């Protein structure tokens, strides 16, 4: 082992919130230079966690997903969250569908799920702590949208 490599603490997480994002009918941009781009626009939703909760703003974002020729799906998501006390939070994340769809974007079974890396931005003093945290998320399809468990990396 390279002597410059130090032992560091194991990565630990704590729950931040669960979110459900309702999605509009997909807009298919067609096959492009990098794959097939499809927009899944956000039409609403909600999030709930120990430190914040509220709604997903309708029309405030979506997923500009890219389906590569090898079947992998790359996430490119921007959402607007509104907390219960009316603060706006910009949430963005990339990620992957780890069990890629095989039939027209439809899930292939119960093991289909997403992994993401959410980041946040807000001007709200009450939620300014969000600007400096790193998160991970695990998501899955639900009726009419997607749901994620988002955890803060400590």
N, C-alpha and C. Protein backbone atom coordinates (compact mmCIF):
# COMPACT_ATOMS: atom_id res chain seq x y z
N UNK A 1 0.85 -1.18 0.00
CA UNK A 1 0.00 0.00 0.00
C UNK A 1 0.89 1.24 0.00
N UNK A 2 0.47 2.23 -0.69
CA UNK A 2 1.20 3.50 -0.76
C UNK A 2 1.24 4.12 0.63
N UNK A 3 2.42 4.46 1.15
CA UNK A 3 2.53 5.00 2.51
C UNK A 3 1.85 6.37 2.67
N UNK A 4 1.51 7.02 1.60
CA UNK A 4 0.82 8.32 1.69
C UNK A 4 -0.66 8.17 2.01
N UNK A 5 -1.17 6.95 1.88
CA UNK A 5 -2.59 6.70 2.16
C UNK A 5 -2.79 6.54 3.65
N UNK A 6 -3.67 7.36 4.20
CA UNK A 6 -3.94 7.31 5.64
C UNK A 6 -5.29 6.65 5.89
N UNK A 7 -5.40 6.06 7.05
CA UNK A 7 -6.69 5.53 7.47
C UNK A 7 -7.57 6.70 7.86
N UNK A 8 -8.79 6.71 7.34
CA UNK A 8 -9.74 7.76 7.68
C UNK A 8 -11.00 7.12 8.24
N UNK A 9 -11.78 7.93 8.88
CA UNK A 9 -13.01 7.43 9.48
C UNK A 9 -13.96 6.91 8.41
N UNK A 10 -14.69 5.89 8.76
CA UNK A 10 -15.70 5.34 7.87
C UNK A 10 -16.76 6.40 7.56
N UNK A 11 -17.26 6.40 6.34
CA UNK A 11 -18.31 7.35 5.97
C UNK A 11 -19.60 6.94 6.66
N UNK A 12 -20.22 7.90 7.32
CA UNK A 12 -21.49 7.66 8.01
C UNK A 12 -22.53 8.64 7.48
N UNK A 13 -23.78 8.26 7.57
CA UNK A 13 -24.86 9.12 7.11
C UNK A 13 -25.97 9.20 8.15
N UNK A 14 -26.76 10.26 8.03
CA UNK A 14 -27.99 10.40 8.82
C UNK A 14 -29.10 10.81 7.87
N UNK A 15 -30.34 10.38 8.14
CA UNK A 15 -31.44 10.74 7.25
C UNK A 15 -31.64 12.25 7.18
N UNK A 16 -31.81 12.76 5.96
CA UNK A 16 -32.16 14.17 5.77
C UNK A 16 -33.65 14.30 5.50
N UNK A 17 -34.14 13.62 4.48
CA UNK A 17 -35.58 13.58 4.21
C UNK A 17 -35.91 12.52 3.18
N UNK A 18 -37.19 12.18 3.11
CA UNK A 18 -37.74 11.37 2.03
C UNK A 18 -38.52 12.33 1.14
N UNK A 19 -38.43 12.14 -0.17
CA UNK A 19 -39.11 13.02 -1.11
C UNK A 19 -39.81 12.18 -2.16
N UNK A 20 -41.01 12.62 -2.55
CA UNK A 20 -41.74 12.06 -3.68
C UNK A 20 -41.89 13.19 -4.68
N UNK A 21 -41.50 12.92 -5.93
CA UNK A 21 -41.60 13.90 -7.00
C UNK A 21 -42.61 13.38 -8.02
N UNK A 22 -43.69 14.13 -8.21
CA UNK A 22 -44.68 13.79 -9.23
C UNK A 22 -44.14 14.27 -10.57
N UNK A 23 -44.32 13.45 -11.61
CA UNK A 23 -43.73 13.75 -12.91
C UNK A 23 -44.77 13.90 -14.00
N UNK A 24 -44.51 14.84 -14.92
CA UNK A 24 -45.35 15.05 -16.10
C UNK A 24 -45.05 13.97 -17.13
N UNK A 25 -45.87 13.92 -18.16
CA UNK A 25 -45.59 13.03 -19.28
C UNK A 25 -44.22 13.40 -19.85
N UNK A 26 -43.43 12.42 -20.23
CA UNK A 26 -42.07 12.70 -20.71
C UNK A 26 -42.07 13.47 -22.04
N UNK A 27 -41.06 14.34 -22.17
CA UNK A 27 -40.80 15.04 -23.43
C UNK A 27 -39.54 14.43 -24.03
N UNK A 28 -39.69 13.79 -25.18
CA UNK A 28 -38.60 13.05 -25.80
C UNK A 28 -37.90 13.93 -26.83
N UNK A 29 -36.64 14.28 -26.57
CA UNK A 29 -35.85 15.10 -27.49
C UNK A 29 -35.30 14.27 -28.65
N UNK A 30 -35.40 12.96 -28.56
CA UNK A 30 -34.89 12.09 -29.60
C UNK A 30 -33.45 11.70 -29.37
N UNK A 31 -32.95 10.94 -30.32
CA UNK A 31 -31.59 10.42 -30.24
C UNK A 31 -30.61 11.52 -30.65
N UNK A 32 -29.70 11.87 -29.75
CA UNK A 32 -28.71 12.90 -30.03
C UNK A 32 -27.31 12.33 -30.02
N UNK A 33 -26.37 13.21 -30.00
CA UNK A 33 -24.96 12.81 -30.06
C UNK A 33 -24.53 11.97 -28.86
N UNK A 34 -25.19 12.15 -27.69
CA UNK A 34 -24.78 11.46 -26.48
C UNK A 34 -25.77 10.38 -26.05
N UNK A 35 -26.88 10.26 -26.75
CA UNK A 35 -27.91 9.30 -26.41
C UNK A 35 -29.28 9.93 -26.57
N UNK A 36 -30.29 9.31 -26.00
CA UNK A 36 -31.66 9.79 -26.10
C UNK A 36 -31.97 10.63 -24.86
N UNK A 37 -32.27 11.91 -25.07
CA UNK A 37 -32.57 12.83 -23.97
C UNK A 37 -34.08 12.90 -23.78
N UNK A 38 -34.52 12.70 -22.52
CA UNK A 38 -35.94 12.78 -22.19
C UNK A 38 -36.10 13.64 -20.95
N UNK A 39 -37.01 14.60 -21.01
CA UNK A 39 -37.31 15.45 -19.85
C UNK A 39 -38.53 14.91 -19.13
N UNK A 40 -38.34 14.65 -17.83
CA UNK A 40 -39.43 14.28 -16.94
C UNK A 40 -39.66 15.49 -16.03
N UNK A 41 -40.59 16.36 -16.38
CA UNK A 41 -40.83 17.58 -15.62
C UNK A 41 -41.53 17.32 -14.29
N UNK A 42 -41.14 18.07 -13.28
CA UNK A 42 -41.75 17.95 -11.95
C UNK A 42 -43.08 18.69 -11.92
N UNK A 43 -44.13 18.02 -11.45
CA UNK A 43 -45.45 18.64 -11.35
C UNK A 43 -45.90 18.82 -9.91
N UNK A 44 -45.02 18.52 -8.97
CA UNK A 44 -45.36 18.65 -7.56
C UNK A 44 -44.69 17.55 -6.75
N UNK A 45 -45.16 17.40 -5.53
CA UNK A 45 -44.63 16.39 -4.64
C UNK A 45 -44.44 16.94 -3.24
N UNK A 46 -43.78 16.15 -2.41
CA UNK A 46 -43.56 16.58 -1.02
C UNK A 46 -42.29 15.93 -0.49
N UNK A 47 -41.76 16.54 0.58
CA UNK A 47 -40.60 15.98 1.27
C UNK A 47 -40.80 16.12 2.76
N UNK A 48 -40.24 15.16 3.51
CA UNK A 48 -40.44 15.11 4.97
C UNK A 48 -39.20 14.55 5.61
N UNK A 49 -38.66 15.31 6.59
CA UNK A 49 -37.48 14.85 7.31
C UNK A 49 -37.44 15.44 8.70
N UNK A 50 -36.46 15.03 9.50
CA UNK A 50 -36.38 15.50 10.88
C UNK A 50 -36.06 16.99 11.01
N UNK A 51 -35.41 17.60 10.00
CA UNK A 51 -35.03 19.01 10.12
C UNK A 51 -35.74 19.94 9.14
N UNK A 52 -36.42 19.37 8.16
CA UNK A 52 -37.17 20.20 7.21
C UNK A 52 -38.21 19.37 6.49
N UNK A 53 -39.26 20.05 6.06
CA UNK A 53 -40.32 19.40 5.28
C UNK A 53 -41.04 20.46 4.46
N UNK A 54 -41.74 20.00 3.43
CA UNK A 54 -42.47 20.93 2.57
C UNK A 54 -42.89 20.27 1.28
N UNK A 55 -42.92 21.06 0.19
CA UNK A 55 -43.41 20.59 -1.08
C UNK A 55 -42.38 20.77 -2.19
N UNK A 56 -42.55 19.99 -3.23
CA UNK A 56 -41.79 20.15 -4.47
C UNK A 56 -42.61 21.11 -5.34
N UNK A 57 -42.00 22.20 -5.81
CA UNK A 57 -42.72 23.22 -6.57
C UNK A 57 -43.01 22.70 -7.98
N UNK A 58 -44.30 22.71 -8.35
CA UNK A 58 -44.71 22.32 -9.70
C UNK A 58 -44.09 23.27 -10.72
N UNK A 59 -43.53 22.72 -11.78
CA UNK A 59 -42.91 23.54 -12.81
C UNK A 59 -41.55 24.08 -12.43
N UNK A 60 -41.07 23.73 -11.24
CA UNK A 60 -39.80 24.25 -10.75
C UNK A 60 -38.61 23.37 -11.03
N UNK A 61 -38.71 22.49 -12.02
CA UNK A 61 -37.58 21.64 -12.36
C UNK A 61 -38.00 20.34 -12.97
N UNK A 62 -37.05 19.42 -13.00
CA UNK A 62 -37.30 18.11 -13.57
C UNK A 62 -36.00 17.37 -13.79
N UNK A 63 -36.11 16.23 -14.46
CA UNK A 63 -34.97 15.38 -14.75
C UNK A 63 -34.76 15.36 -16.26
N UNK A 64 -33.60 15.86 -16.70
CA UNK A 64 -33.21 15.83 -18.10
C UNK A 64 -32.39 14.55 -18.29
N UNK A 65 -33.06 13.41 -18.24
CA UNK A 65 -32.40 12.11 -18.27
C UNK A 65 -31.79 11.83 -19.64
N UNK A 66 -30.66 11.13 -19.60
CA UNK A 66 -29.99 10.71 -20.83
C UNK A 66 -29.91 9.19 -20.82
N UNK A 67 -30.47 8.58 -21.86
CA UNK A 67 -30.42 7.13 -22.02
C UNK A 67 -29.33 6.83 -23.04
N UNK A 68 -28.25 6.22 -22.57
CA UNK A 68 -27.14 5.89 -23.46
C UNK A 68 -27.47 4.67 -24.31
N UNK A 69 -26.70 4.48 -25.36
CA UNK A 69 -26.93 3.35 -26.26
C UNK A 69 -26.72 2.00 -25.57
N UNK A 70 -25.94 1.98 -24.47
CA UNK A 70 -25.72 0.73 -23.74
C UNK A 70 -26.83 0.42 -22.75
N UNK A 71 -27.87 1.28 -22.69
CA UNK A 71 -29.01 1.04 -21.81
C UNK A 71 -28.94 1.76 -20.48
N UNK A 72 -27.80 2.37 -20.16
CA UNK A 72 -27.67 3.09 -18.89
C UNK A 72 -28.46 4.39 -18.93
N UNK A 73 -29.01 4.78 -17.80
CA UNK A 73 -29.74 6.04 -17.68
C UNK A 73 -28.95 6.94 -16.73
N UNK A 74 -28.62 8.15 -17.22
CA UNK A 74 -27.91 9.14 -16.42
C UNK A 74 -28.90 10.22 -16.00
N UNK A 75 -28.96 10.52 -14.71
CA UNK A 75 -29.86 11.53 -14.18
C UNK A 75 -29.20 12.90 -14.19
N UNK A 76 -29.98 13.92 -14.49
CA UNK A 76 -29.53 15.32 -14.44
C UNK A 76 -30.73 16.12 -13.94
N UNK A 77 -30.84 16.24 -12.61
CA UNK A 77 -32.05 16.75 -11.99
C UNK A 77 -31.83 18.08 -11.30
N UNK A 78 -32.81 18.97 -11.47
CA UNK A 78 -32.89 20.23 -10.73
C UNK A 78 -34.33 20.36 -10.25
N UNK A 79 -34.50 20.60 -8.95
CA UNK A 79 -35.83 20.75 -8.37
C UNK A 79 -35.85 21.99 -7.50
N UNK A 80 -37.04 22.54 -7.33
CA UNK A 80 -37.26 23.63 -6.38
C UNK A 80 -38.12 23.09 -5.25
N UNK A 81 -37.58 23.20 -4.04
CA UNK A 81 -38.32 22.79 -2.84
C UNK A 81 -38.80 24.03 -2.11
N UNK A 82 -40.01 23.95 -1.55
CA UNK A 82 -40.53 25.03 -0.72
C UNK A 82 -40.79 24.44 0.67
N UNK A 83 -40.08 24.96 1.67
CA UNK A 83 -40.25 24.44 3.03
C UNK A 83 -41.60 24.86 3.59
N UNK A 84 -41.99 24.21 4.67
CA UNK A 84 -43.27 24.51 5.30
C UNK A 84 -43.38 25.97 5.74
N UNK A 85 -42.22 26.63 5.98
CA UNK A 85 -42.23 28.04 6.40
C UNK A 85 -41.82 28.97 5.26
N UNK A 86 -42.02 28.49 4.01
CA UNK A 86 -41.95 29.29 2.79
C UNK A 86 -40.54 29.65 2.31
N UNK A 87 -39.52 28.93 2.72
CA UNK A 87 -38.17 29.14 2.18
C UNK A 87 -38.02 28.31 0.90
N UNK A 88 -37.33 28.87 -0.08
CA UNK A 88 -37.06 28.13 -1.31
C UNK A 88 -35.66 27.52 -1.26
N UNK A 89 -35.57 26.28 -1.72
CA UNK A 89 -34.31 25.54 -1.73
C UNK A 89 -34.13 24.93 -3.11
N UNK A 90 -32.99 25.21 -3.72
CA UNK A 90 -32.64 24.60 -5.01
C UNK A 90 -31.93 23.29 -4.72
N UNK A 91 -32.45 22.20 -5.27
CA UNK A 91 -31.87 20.87 -5.10
C UNK A 91 -31.42 20.39 -6.48
N UNK A 92 -30.19 19.93 -6.58
CA UNK A 92 -29.69 19.40 -7.84
C UNK A 92 -28.96 18.10 -7.58
N UNK A 93 -29.06 17.17 -8.53
CA UNK A 93 -28.31 15.94 -8.39
C UNK A 93 -28.15 15.23 -9.72
N UNK A 94 -27.03 14.56 -9.82
CA UNK A 94 -26.80 13.61 -10.89
C UNK A 94 -26.96 12.23 -10.30
N UNK A 95 -26.83 11.25 -11.13
CA UNK A 95 -26.93 9.89 -10.62
C UNK A 95 -27.07 8.89 -11.74
N UNK A 96 -27.34 7.66 -11.35
CA UNK A 96 -27.48 6.57 -12.30
C UNK A 96 -28.65 5.68 -11.90
N UNK A 97 -29.28 5.12 -12.92
CA UNK A 97 -30.24 4.04 -12.71
C UNK A 97 -29.40 2.79 -12.74
N UNK A 98 -29.23 2.14 -11.59
CA UNK A 98 -28.27 1.05 -11.47
C UNK A 98 -28.70 -0.23 -12.17
N UNK A 99 -29.98 -0.46 -12.31
CA UNK A 99 -30.47 -1.55 -13.12
C UNK A 99 -31.16 -0.89 -14.29
N UNK A 100 -30.43 -0.67 -15.39
CA UNK A 100 -30.98 0.12 -16.50
C UNK A 100 -32.26 -0.47 -17.06
N UNK A 101 -33.15 0.40 -17.54
CA UNK A 101 -34.39 -0.08 -18.17
C UNK A 101 -34.05 -0.85 -19.44
N UNK A 102 -34.83 -1.86 -19.71
CA UNK A 102 -34.56 -2.67 -20.89
C UNK A 102 -35.69 -2.61 -21.91
N UNK A 103 -36.83 -2.07 -21.52
CA UNK A 103 -37.98 -2.05 -22.43
C UNK A 103 -38.64 -0.69 -22.40
N UNK A 104 -38.14 0.23 -23.19
CA UNK A 104 -38.80 1.52 -23.34
C UNK A 104 -38.88 2.34 -22.09
N UNK A 105 -37.91 2.24 -21.19
CA UNK A 105 -37.92 3.06 -19.98
C UNK A 105 -38.72 2.48 -18.84
N UNK A 106 -39.29 1.30 -19.03
CA UNK A 106 -40.08 0.68 -17.97
C UNK A 106 -39.17 -0.11 -17.02
N UNK A 107 -39.48 -0.11 -15.74
CA UNK A 107 -38.66 -0.88 -14.80
C UNK A 107 -38.76 -2.37 -15.11
N UNK A 108 -37.70 -3.08 -14.79
CA UNK A 108 -37.66 -4.50 -15.08
C UNK A 108 -37.95 -5.37 -13.87
N UNK A 109 -38.04 -4.80 -12.69
CA UNK A 109 -38.32 -5.60 -11.52
C UNK A 109 -38.09 -4.83 -10.23
N UNK A 110 -38.26 -5.49 -9.10
CA UNK A 110 -38.17 -4.82 -7.80
C UNK A 110 -36.77 -4.35 -7.44
N UNK A 111 -35.75 -4.80 -8.15
CA UNK A 111 -34.40 -4.39 -7.83
C UNK A 111 -33.95 -3.13 -8.57
N UNK A 112 -34.84 -2.56 -9.38
CA UNK A 112 -34.52 -1.31 -10.08
C UNK A 112 -34.46 -0.17 -9.07
N UNK A 113 -33.39 0.61 -9.10
CA UNK A 113 -33.29 1.74 -8.20
C UNK A 113 -32.26 2.73 -8.73
N UNK A 114 -32.32 3.94 -8.19
CA UNK A 114 -31.41 5.01 -8.56
C UNK A 114 -30.46 5.28 -7.40
N UNK A 115 -29.27 5.78 -7.72
CA UNK A 115 -28.35 6.31 -6.72
C UNK A 115 -28.00 7.72 -7.15
N UNK A 116 -28.04 8.66 -6.20
CA UNK A 116 -27.85 10.07 -6.53
C UNK A 116 -26.92 10.75 -5.53
N UNK A 117 -26.55 11.99 -5.86
CA UNK A 117 -25.69 12.80 -4.99
C UNK A 117 -26.26 14.23 -4.88
N UNK A 118 -27.34 14.40 -4.11
CA UNK A 118 -27.97 15.72 -4.01
C UNK A 118 -27.09 16.78 -3.34
N UNK A 119 -27.19 17.98 -3.89
CA UNK A 119 -26.60 19.19 -3.32
C UNK A 119 -27.69 20.25 -3.25
N UNK A 120 -27.51 21.22 -2.36
CA UNK A 120 -28.55 22.22 -2.12
C UNK A 120 -27.98 23.63 -2.16
N UNK A 121 -28.89 24.58 -2.47
CA UNK A 121 -28.55 25.99 -2.45
C UNK A 121 -29.77 26.77 -1.99
N UNK A 122 -29.56 27.66 -1.03
CA UNK A 122 -30.66 28.51 -0.56
C UNK A 122 -30.10 29.80 0.00
N UNK A 123 -30.90 30.85 -0.06
CA UNK A 123 -30.55 32.12 0.56
C UNK A 123 -31.21 32.29 1.91
N UNK A 124 -31.97 31.30 2.34
CA UNK A 124 -32.67 31.37 3.62
C UNK A 124 -31.69 31.19 4.78
N UNK A 125 -31.62 32.17 5.70
CA UNK A 125 -30.72 32.01 6.86
C UNK A 125 -31.04 30.77 7.69
N UNK A 126 -32.30 30.43 7.81
CA UNK A 126 -32.70 29.28 8.61
C UNK A 126 -32.19 27.96 8.03
N UNK A 127 -32.05 27.91 6.71
CA UNK A 127 -31.62 26.68 6.07
C UNK A 127 -30.24 26.81 5.41
N UNK A 128 -29.48 27.81 5.78
CA UNK A 128 -28.15 28.04 5.20
C UNK A 128 -27.24 26.83 5.38
N UNK A 129 -27.45 26.04 6.41
CA UNK A 129 -26.64 24.84 6.65
C UNK A 129 -26.71 23.87 5.47
N UNK A 130 -27.80 23.92 4.69
CA UNK A 130 -27.92 23.05 3.52
C UNK A 130 -26.86 23.36 2.46
N UNK A 131 -26.40 24.61 2.41
CA UNK A 131 -25.43 25.02 1.39
C UNK A 131 -24.09 24.30 1.52
N UNK A 132 -23.82 23.72 2.67
CA UNK A 132 -22.49 23.15 2.93
C UNK A 132 -22.49 21.65 3.22
N UNK A 133 -23.59 20.97 2.94
CA UNK A 133 -23.62 19.53 3.22
C UNK A 133 -23.51 18.74 1.92
N UNK A 134 -23.08 17.51 2.06
CA UNK A 134 -23.02 16.56 0.97
C UNK A 134 -24.01 15.45 1.30
N UNK A 135 -24.74 14.99 0.29
CA UNK A 135 -25.75 13.96 0.52
C UNK A 135 -25.64 12.84 -0.49
N UNK A 136 -26.27 11.74 -0.16
CA UNK A 136 -26.46 10.63 -1.07
C UNK A 136 -27.94 10.26 -1.04
N UNK A 137 -28.41 9.72 -2.14
CA UNK A 137 -29.81 9.35 -2.21
C UNK A 137 -30.00 8.02 -2.91
N UNK A 138 -31.06 7.34 -2.51
CA UNK A 138 -31.46 6.09 -3.14
C UNK A 138 -32.92 6.25 -3.54
N UNK A 139 -33.20 6.03 -4.82
CA UNK A 139 -34.55 6.28 -5.30
C UNK A 139 -35.14 5.09 -6.03
N UNK A 140 -36.46 5.20 -6.24
CA UNK A 140 -37.20 4.13 -6.90
C UNK A 140 -38.45 4.73 -7.52
N UNK A 141 -39.00 4.03 -8.48
CA UNK A 141 -40.21 4.49 -9.15
C UNK A 141 -41.43 4.27 -8.25
N UNK A 142 -42.36 5.24 -8.29
CA UNK A 142 -43.65 5.12 -7.63
C UNK A 142 -44.72 5.49 -8.66
N UNK A 143 -45.96 5.22 -8.36
CA UNK A 143 -47.04 5.56 -9.27
C UNK A 143 -47.03 7.06 -9.54
N UNK A 144 -46.82 7.46 -10.77
CA UNK A 144 -46.84 8.86 -11.16
C UNK A 144 -45.56 9.64 -10.91
N UNK A 145 -44.49 8.95 -10.48
CA UNK A 145 -43.26 9.70 -10.22
C UNK A 145 -42.14 8.85 -9.68
N UNK A 146 -41.30 9.49 -8.87
CA UNK A 146 -40.16 8.83 -8.23
C UNK A 146 -40.12 9.23 -6.77
N UNK A 147 -39.49 8.40 -5.96
CA UNK A 147 -39.29 8.69 -4.54
C UNK A 147 -37.83 8.44 -4.21
N UNK A 148 -37.32 9.22 -3.25
CA UNK A 148 -35.93 9.08 -2.82
C UNK A 148 -35.83 9.15 -1.31
N UNK A 149 -34.90 8.37 -0.76
CA UNK A 149 -34.43 8.53 0.61
C UNK A 149 -33.13 9.31 0.49
N UNK A 150 -33.06 10.49 1.08
CA UNK A 150 -31.87 11.33 1.01
C UNK A 150 -31.22 11.37 2.38
N UNK A 151 -29.92 11.10 2.42
CA UNK A 151 -29.18 11.09 3.67
C UNK A 151 -28.00 12.05 3.58
N UNK A 152 -27.71 12.72 4.69
CA UNK A 152 -26.56 13.61 4.79
C UNK A 152 -25.33 12.79 5.15
N UNK A 153 -24.23 13.04 4.43
CA UNK A 153 -22.96 12.40 4.75
C UNK A 153 -22.31 13.20 5.87
N UNK A 154 -21.91 12.50 6.94
CA UNK A 154 -21.29 13.17 8.08
C UNK A 154 -19.79 13.29 7.89
